[in-house]
C-alpha atoms as a PDB file:
ATOM      1  CA  MET A   1      -7.080   8.428 -36.191  1.00  0.00           C
ATOM      2  CA  VAL A   2      -9.019   5.526 -38.164  1.00  0.00           C
ATOM      3  CA  ILE A   3      -6.928   2.995 -40.121  1.00  0.00           C
ATOM      4  CA  THR A   4      -8.580   0.648 -42.743  1.00  0.00           C
ATOM      5  CA  TYR A   5      -7.058  -1.829 -44.959  1.00  0.00           C
ATOM      6  CA  HIS A   6      -7.642  -2.169 -48.817  1.00  0.00           C
ATOM      7  CA  GLY A   7      -5.251  -5.350 -49.269  1.00  0.00           C
ATOM      8  CA  ASP A   8      -1.679  -5.951 -50.384  1.00  0.00           C
ATOM      9  CA  ASN A   9       0.087  -2.721 -48.516  1.00  0.00           C
ATOM     10  CA  TYR A  10      -2.909  -0.423 -49.442  1.00  0.00           C
ATOM     11  CA  PHE A  11      -3.940   1.534 -46.271  1.00  0.00           C
ATOM     12  CA  ARG A  12      -5.882   4.453 -45.506  1.00  0.00           C
ATOM     13  CA  ILE A  13      -5.315   6.680 -42.703  1.00  0.00           C
ATOM     14  CA  GLN A  14      -7.791   9.266 -41.431  1.00  0.00           C
ATOM     15  CA  SER A  15      -8.157  11.966 -38.765  1.00  0.00           C
ATOM     16  CA  GLY A  16     -11.002  14.675 -39.077  1.00  0.00           C
ATOM     17  CA  GLU A  17     -10.158  16.581 -42.139  1.00  0.00           C
ATOM     18  CA  ILE A  18      -6.979  14.511 -43.185  1.00  0.00           C
ATOM     19  CA  THR A  19      -6.612  11.742 -45.429  1.00  0.00           C
ATOM     20  CA  ILE A  20      -3.636   9.862 -46.236  1.00  0.00           C
ATOM     21  CA  LEU A  21      -3.369   6.857 -48.507  1.00  0.00           C
ATOM     22  CA  LEU A  22      -0.391   4.364 -48.207  1.00  0.00           C
ATOM     23  CA  ASP A  23       0.384   2.656 -51.543  1.00  0.00           C
ATOM     24  CA  PRO A  24      -2.875   2.896 -53.078  1.00  0.00           C
ATOM     25  CA  THR A  25      -3.488   0.400 -56.010  1.00  0.00           C
ATOM     26  CA  ASN A  26      -5.891   2.814 -58.012  1.00  0.00           C
ATOM     27  CA  GLN A  27      -6.109   6.135 -59.218  1.00  0.00           C
ATOM     28  CA  ARG A  28     -10.036   6.067 -58.408  1.00  0.00           C
ATOM     29  CA  SER A  29      -8.939   6.295 -54.803  1.00  0.00           C
ATOM     30  CA  PHE A  30      -6.756   9.500 -54.956  1.00  0.00           C
ATOM     31  CA  LYS A  31      -9.822  11.621 -54.880  1.00  0.00           C
ATOM     32  CA  GLY A  32     -10.322  13.302 -51.566  1.00  0.00           C
ATOM     33  CA  ALA A  33      -6.527  12.364 -50.309  1.00  0.00           C
ATOM     34  CA  ASP A  34      -4.355  15.129 -48.836  1.00  0.00           C
ATOM     35  CA  LEU A  35      -1.307  12.652 -48.818  1.00  0.00           C
ATOM     36  CA  ILE A  36      -0.446   9.853 -50.773  1.00  0.00           C
ATOM     37  CA  LEU A  37       2.851   7.928 -49.524  1.00  0.00           C
ATOM     38  CA  SER A  38       4.153   5.516 -52.042  1.00  0.00           C
ATOM     39  CA  THR A  39       6.695   2.584 -50.336  1.00  0.00           C
ATOM     40  CA  LEU A  40       8.225   1.874 -53.549  1.00  0.00           C
ATOM     41  CA  ARG A  41       9.690   4.159 -56.007  1.00  0.00           C
ATOM     42  CA  PRO A  42       9.098   4.091 -59.173  1.00  0.00           C
ATOM     43  CA  ALA A  43       5.709   3.700 -57.908  1.00  0.00           C
ATOM     44  CA  ASP A  44       3.204   1.042 -59.584  1.00  0.00           C
ATOM     45  CA  VAL A  45       0.765   3.774 -59.841  1.00  0.00           C
ATOM     46  CA  LYS A  46       1.861   7.205 -61.085  1.00  0.00           C
ATOM     47  CA  PRO A  47      -0.156  10.516 -60.042  1.00  0.00           C
ATOM     48  CA  LEU A  48      -2.533  12.001 -62.096  1.00  0.00           C
ATOM     49  CA  GLU A  49      -1.981  15.806 -63.386  1.00  0.00           C
ATOM     50  CA  THR A  50      -4.720  17.350 -61.439  1.00  0.00           C
ATOM     51  CA  ASP A  51      -5.785  20.429 -59.228  1.00  0.00           C
ATOM     52  CA  GLU A  52      -7.082  17.919 -56.537  1.00  0.00           C
ATOM     53  CA  GLY A  53      -4.844  18.964 -53.997  1.00  0.00           C
ATOM     54  CA  TYR A  54      -3.031  16.156 -52.722  1.00  0.00           C
ATOM     55  CA  TYR A  55       0.876  15.980 -52.117  1.00  0.00           C
ATOM     56  CA  TRP A  56       2.787  12.705 -53.362  1.00  0.00           C
ATOM     57  CA  ILE A  57       5.850  11.445 -51.651  1.00  0.00           C
ATOM     58  CA  ASP A  58       7.578   8.547 -52.537  1.00  0.00           C
ATOM     59  CA  HIS A  59      10.840   8.867 -51.524  1.00  0.00           C
ATOM     60  CA  GLN A  60      13.101   9.802 -48.257  1.00  0.00           C
ATOM     61  CA  GLY A  61      13.115  12.955 -46.786  1.00  0.00           C
ATOM     62  CA  GLU A  62      11.273  15.180 -43.903  1.00  0.00           C
ATOM     63  CA  TYR A  63       8.063  16.675 -44.703  1.00  0.00           C
ATOM     64  CA  GLU A  64       5.323  18.660 -42.873  1.00  0.00           C
ATOM     65  CA  ILE A  65       1.996  18.485 -45.004  1.00  0.00           C
ATOM     66  CA  LYS A  66      -0.993  20.432 -43.030  1.00  0.00           C
ATOM     67  CA  THR A  67      -0.675  18.973 -39.762  1.00  0.00           C
ATOM     68  CA  VAL A  68       1.089  15.818 -40.806  1.00  0.00           C
ATOM     69  CA  GLY A  69       4.834  15.229 -39.965  1.00  0.00           C
ATOM     70  CA  VAL A  70       6.394  12.689 -42.462  1.00  0.00           C
ATOM     71  CA  ARG A  71       9.837  11.114 -42.336  1.00  0.00           C
ATOM     72  CA  GLY A  72      10.943   8.717 -44.863  1.00  0.00           C
ATOM     73  CA  TRP A  73      14.244   6.638 -44.933  1.00  0.00           C
ATOM     74  CA  SER A  74      15.615   4.497 -47.826  1.00  0.00           C
ATOM     75  CA  ALA A  75      15.392   0.896 -47.118  1.00  0.00           C
ATOM     76  CA  GLY A  76      17.436   0.095 -50.052  1.00  0.00           C
ATOM     77  CA  TYR A  77      16.828  -0.773 -53.581  1.00  0.00           C
ATOM     78  CA  GLU A  78      15.521  -3.533 -55.317  1.00  0.00           C
ATOM     79  CA  ASP A  79      14.784  -4.447 -59.337  1.00  0.00           C
ATOM     80  CA  GLU A  80      15.890  -0.628 -59.563  1.00  0.00           C
ATOM     81  CA  LYS A  81      13.159   0.308 -57.308  1.00  0.00           C
ATOM     82  CA  GLU A  82      13.947   2.195 -53.951  1.00  0.00           C
ATOM     83  CA  LYS A  83      11.940   1.327 -50.998  1.00  0.00           C
ATOM     84  CA  THR A  84      11.125   3.863 -48.456  1.00  0.00           C
ATOM     85  CA  ILE A  85      10.242   3.318 -44.644  1.00  0.00           C
ATOM     86  CA  TYR A  86       8.006   6.350 -43.379  1.00  0.00           C
ATOM     87  CA  ARG A  87       7.303   7.469 -39.796  1.00  0.00           C
ATOM     88  CA  ILE A  88       3.999   9.587 -40.014  1.00  0.00           C
ATOM     89  CA  ASN A  89       2.968  11.592 -37.114  1.00  0.00           C
ATOM     90  CA  LEU A  90      -0.990  12.969 -36.821  1.00  0.00           C
ATOM     91  CA  ASP A  91      -2.690  13.627 -33.689  1.00  0.00           C
ATOM     92  CA  ASP A  92       0.234  12.892 -31.294  1.00  0.00           C
ATOM     93  CA  ILE A  93       0.040   9.277 -32.592  1.00  0.00           C
ATOM     94  CA  SER A  94       3.144   8.015 -34.887  1.00  0.00           C
ATOM     95  CA  VAL A  95       2.666   5.344 -37.282  1.00  0.00           C
ATOM     96  CA  VAL A  96       5.447   3.661 -38.823  1.00  0.00           C
ATOM     97  CA  ALA A  97       4.630   2.127 -42.247  1.00  0.00           C
ATOM     98  CA  PHE A  98       7.761  -0.714 -43.276  1.00  0.00           C
ATOM     99  CA  GLY A  99       6.062  -1.256 -46.896  1.00  0.00           C
ATOM    100  CA  HIS A 100       7.569  -3.596 -49.437  1.00  0.00           C
ATOM    101  CA  LEU A 101      10.613  -4.527 -46.537  1.00  0.00           C
ATOM    102  CA  THR A 102      12.340  -7.639 -47.780  1.00  0.00           C
ATOM    103  CA  GLN A 103      15.489  -7.041 -45.352  1.00  0.00           C
ATOM    104  CA  GLU A 104      15.963  -5.746 -41.776  1.00  0.00           C
ATOM    105  CA  PRO A 105      16.536  -2.051 -41.909  1.00  0.00           C
ATOM    106  CA  ASP A 106      19.981  -0.430 -40.623  1.00  0.00           C
ATOM    107  CA  SER A 107      20.327  -0.114 -37.096  1.00  0.00           C
ATOM    108  CA  LYS A 108      20.560   3.398 -37.456  1.00  0.00           C
ATOM    109  CA  ILE A 109      17.168   3.836 -39.037  1.00  0.00           C
ATOM    110  CA  GLN A 110      15.524   1.877 -36.641  1.00  0.00           C
ATOM    111  CA  GLU A 111      16.574   4.274 -33.895  1.00  0.00           C
ATOM    112  CA  HIS A 112      14.604   6.446 -35.455  1.00  0.00           C
ATOM    113  CA  LEU A 113      11.906   4.124 -35.114  1.00  0.00           C
ATOM    114  CA  LYS A 114      11.708   3.008 -31.801  1.00  0.00           C
ATOM    115  CA  ASN A 115       8.445   3.773 -29.513  1.00  0.00           C
ATOM    116  CA  ALA A 116       6.220   4.274 -32.463  1.00  0.00           C
ATOM    117  CA  ASP A 117       2.744   3.798 -31.354  1.00  0.00           C
ATOM    118  CA  CYS A 118       1.682   1.662 -34.435  1.00  0.00           C
ATOM    119  CA  VAL A 119       3.675  -0.448 -36.778  1.00  0.00           C
ATOM    120  CA  ILE A 120       2.599  -1.539 -40.182  1.00  0.00           C
ATOM    121  CA  ILE A 121       4.648  -4.272 -41.510  1.00  0.00           C
ATOM    122  CA  PRO A 122       4.557  -7.398 -43.692  1.00  0.00           C
ATOM    123  CA  GLY A 123       3.372 -10.311 -41.929  1.00  0.00           C
ATOM    124  CA  GLY A 124       3.231 -12.678 -44.696  1.00  0.00           C
ATOM    125  CA  GLY A 125       6.624 -13.970 -45.229  1.00  0.00           C
ATOM    126  CA  LYS A 126       8.434 -14.425 -48.676  1.00  0.00           C
ATOM    127  CA  PRO A 127       9.021 -12.465 -50.742  1.00  0.00           C
ATOM    128  CA  TRP A 128       8.891  -9.747 -48.063  1.00  0.00           C
ATOM    129  CA  LEU A 129      10.911  -9.806 -44.616  1.00  0.00           C
ATOM    130  CA  GLY A 130      10.444 -13.162 -43.048  1.00  0.00           C
ATOM    131  CA  THR A 131       8.146 -13.707 -40.258  1.00  0.00           C
ATOM    132  CA  ALA A 132      11.082 -14.576 -37.508  1.00  0.00           C
ATOM    133  CA  ALA A 133      12.893 -11.153 -38.844  1.00  0.00           C
ATOM    134  CA  ALA A 134       9.871  -8.880 -38.703  1.00  0.00           C
ATOM    135  CA  ALA A 135       9.018 -10.380 -35.045  1.00  0.00           C
ATOM    136  CA  LYS A 136      12.547  -9.310 -34.179  1.00  0.00           C
ATOM    137  CA  LEU A 137      12.564  -6.114 -35.590  1.00  0.00           C
ATOM    138  CA  ILE A 138       8.743  -5.416 -34.003  1.00  0.00           C
ATOM    139  CA  ARG A 139      10.356  -6.146 -30.608  1.00  0.00           C
ATOM    140  CA  GLN A 140      13.197  -3.690 -31.043  1.00  0.00           C
ATOM    141  CA  ILE A 141      10.974  -1.057 -31.887  1.00  0.00           C
ATOM    142  CA  GLU A 142       8.515  -1.721 -29.161  1.00  0.00           C
ATOM    143  CA  PRO A 143       5.165   0.033 -30.814  1.00  0.00           C
ATOM    144  CA  MET A 144       1.704  -0.665 -28.974  1.00  0.00           C
ATOM    145  CA  ILE A 145      -0.163  -1.568 -31.973  1.00  0.00           C
ATOM    146  CA  VAL A 146       1.343  -4.099 -35.040  1.00  0.00           C
ATOM    147  CA  ILE A 147      -0.875  -4.321 -38.169  1.00  0.00           C
ATOM    148  CA  PRO A 148       0.210  -6.966 -40.756  1.00  0.00           C
ATOM    149  CA  SER A 149       0.340  -6.303 -44.747  1.00  0.00           C
ATOM    150  CA  PHE A 150       0.727  -8.689 -47.468  1.00  0.00           C
ATOM    151  CA  SER A 151      -0.666 -11.333 -45.231  1.00  0.00           C
ATOM    152  CA  GLU A 152      -2.860 -14.304 -46.866  1.00  0.00           C
ATOM    153  CA  ASN A 153      -1.545 -16.605 -44.199  1.00  0.00           C
ATOM    154  CA  ILE A 154      -0.912 -15.035 -40.977  1.00  0.00           C
ATOM    155  CA  LYS A 155      -0.498 -17.902 -38.950  1.00  0.00           C
ATOM    156  CA  PRO A 156       3.376 -18.181 -39.039  1.00  0.00           C
ATOM    157  CA  PHE A 157       3.501 -14.325 -38.337  1.00  0.00           C
ATOM    158  CA  LEU A 158       1.643 -14.802 -34.913  1.00  0.00           C
ATOM    159  CA  LYS A 159       3.279 -17.912 -33.763  1.00  0.00           C
ATOM    160  CA  GLU A 160       6.130 -15.599 -33.560  1.00  0.00           C
ATOM    161  CA  PHE A 161       4.412 -13.695 -30.877  1.00  0.00           C
ATOM    162  CA  SER A 162       2.753 -16.818 -29.449  1.00  0.00           C
ATOM    163  CA  GLN A 163      -0.532 -15.994 -30.639  1.00  0.00           C
ATOM    164  CA  GLU A 164      -3.128 -18.221 -31.930  1.00  0.00           C
ATOM    165  CA  LYS A 165      -5.380 -16.245 -34.099  1.00  0.00           C
ATOM    166  CA  CYS A 166      -6.246 -12.687 -34.758  1.00  0.00           C
ATOM    167  CA  GLU A 167      -9.774 -11.608 -35.490  1.00  0.00           C
ATOM    168  CA  PRO A 168      -9.861  -9.799 -38.661  1.00  0.00           C
ATOM    169  CA  GLU A 169     -11.439  -6.023 -37.833  1.00  0.00           C
ATOM    170  CA  GLU A 170     -13.215  -3.731 -40.560  1.00  0.00           C
ATOM    171  CA  LYS A 171     -11.102  -0.547 -39.237  1.00  0.00           C
ATOM    172  CA  LEU A 172      -8.998   0.397 -36.119  1.00  0.00           C
ATOM    173  CA  THR A 173      -9.566   3.485 -34.502  1.00  0.00           C
ATOM    174  CA  LEU A 174      -6.709   4.804 -32.548  1.00  0.00           C
ATOM    175  CA  LYS A 175      -6.499   7.418 -29.742  1.00  0.00           C
ATOM    176  CA  LYS A 176      -3.464   8.669 -27.827  1.00  0.00           C
ATOM    177  CA  LYS A 177      -5.007   8.528 -24.484  1.00  0.00           C
ATOM    178  CA  ASN A 178      -5.868   4.716 -24.992  1.00  0.00           C
ATOM    179  CA  LEU A 179      -2.408   3.904 -26.024  1.00  0.00           C
ATOM    180  CA  ALA A 180      -0.627   4.884 -22.991  1.00  0.00           C
ATOM    181  CA  GLY A 181       0.461   2.098 -20.823  1.00  0.00           C
ATOM    182  CA  LYS A 182      -0.812  -0.843 -22.887  1.00  0.00           C
ATOM    183  CA  THR A 183       1.132  -3.960 -24.026  1.00  0.00           C
ATOM    184  CA  MET A 184       1.709  -4.762 -27.808  1.00  0.00           C
ATOM    185  CA  VAL A 185      -1.223  -5.898 -29.403  1.00  0.00           C
ATOM    186  CA  ILE A 186      -1.555  -7.545 -32.933  1.00  0.00           C
ATOM    187  CA  LYS A 187      -4.576  -5.945 -34.901  1.00  0.00           C
ATOM    188  CA  CYS A 188      -5.575  -7.766 -38.135  1.00  0.00           C
ATOM    189  CA  LEU A 189      -7.561  -6.017 -40.510  1.00  0.00           C
ATOM    190  CA  LYS A 190     -10.210  -6.872 -43.463  1.00  0.00           C
ATOM    191  CA  PRO A 191      -8.934  -6.058 -46.867  1.00  0.00           C
END
């Protein structure tokens, strides 16, 4: 699995022939996607009427698309837009995407997110979830990899984990066999 970052909360997750877009910011990027997940409904970018063959998910529920399992939970409403948290399962790797999270999710939802391999969470503080609250949530879930999004200033987020810096990488390659037994690490991706 390869994860690349394109700014804000826009991520591309690829594995073999499967391409997942998380909160894409323009419709040009839809081409070649198998699955598009929007963590904010109604989405800022609407899907095109097309025969391209992708699936669009923008709300809670359980989905099975090709070899991808997706489960979404409502994280509440803000400005008449529903926020959704997703857990994506692909290649025996689970990725939790918190999206536009501004408050800690209900403990019942958190139970479903525990032991995720990778978590994508706002790391820039306001207007998103505060850095201390994000750190607390991450510690409860106990992922192997943490990827901050919405993070122009990552220092306060890193400080919550007693880390001074995080060298931005072009992409993150994940293999299940390489995740076993590792301690949690924060990975910063270049937009």
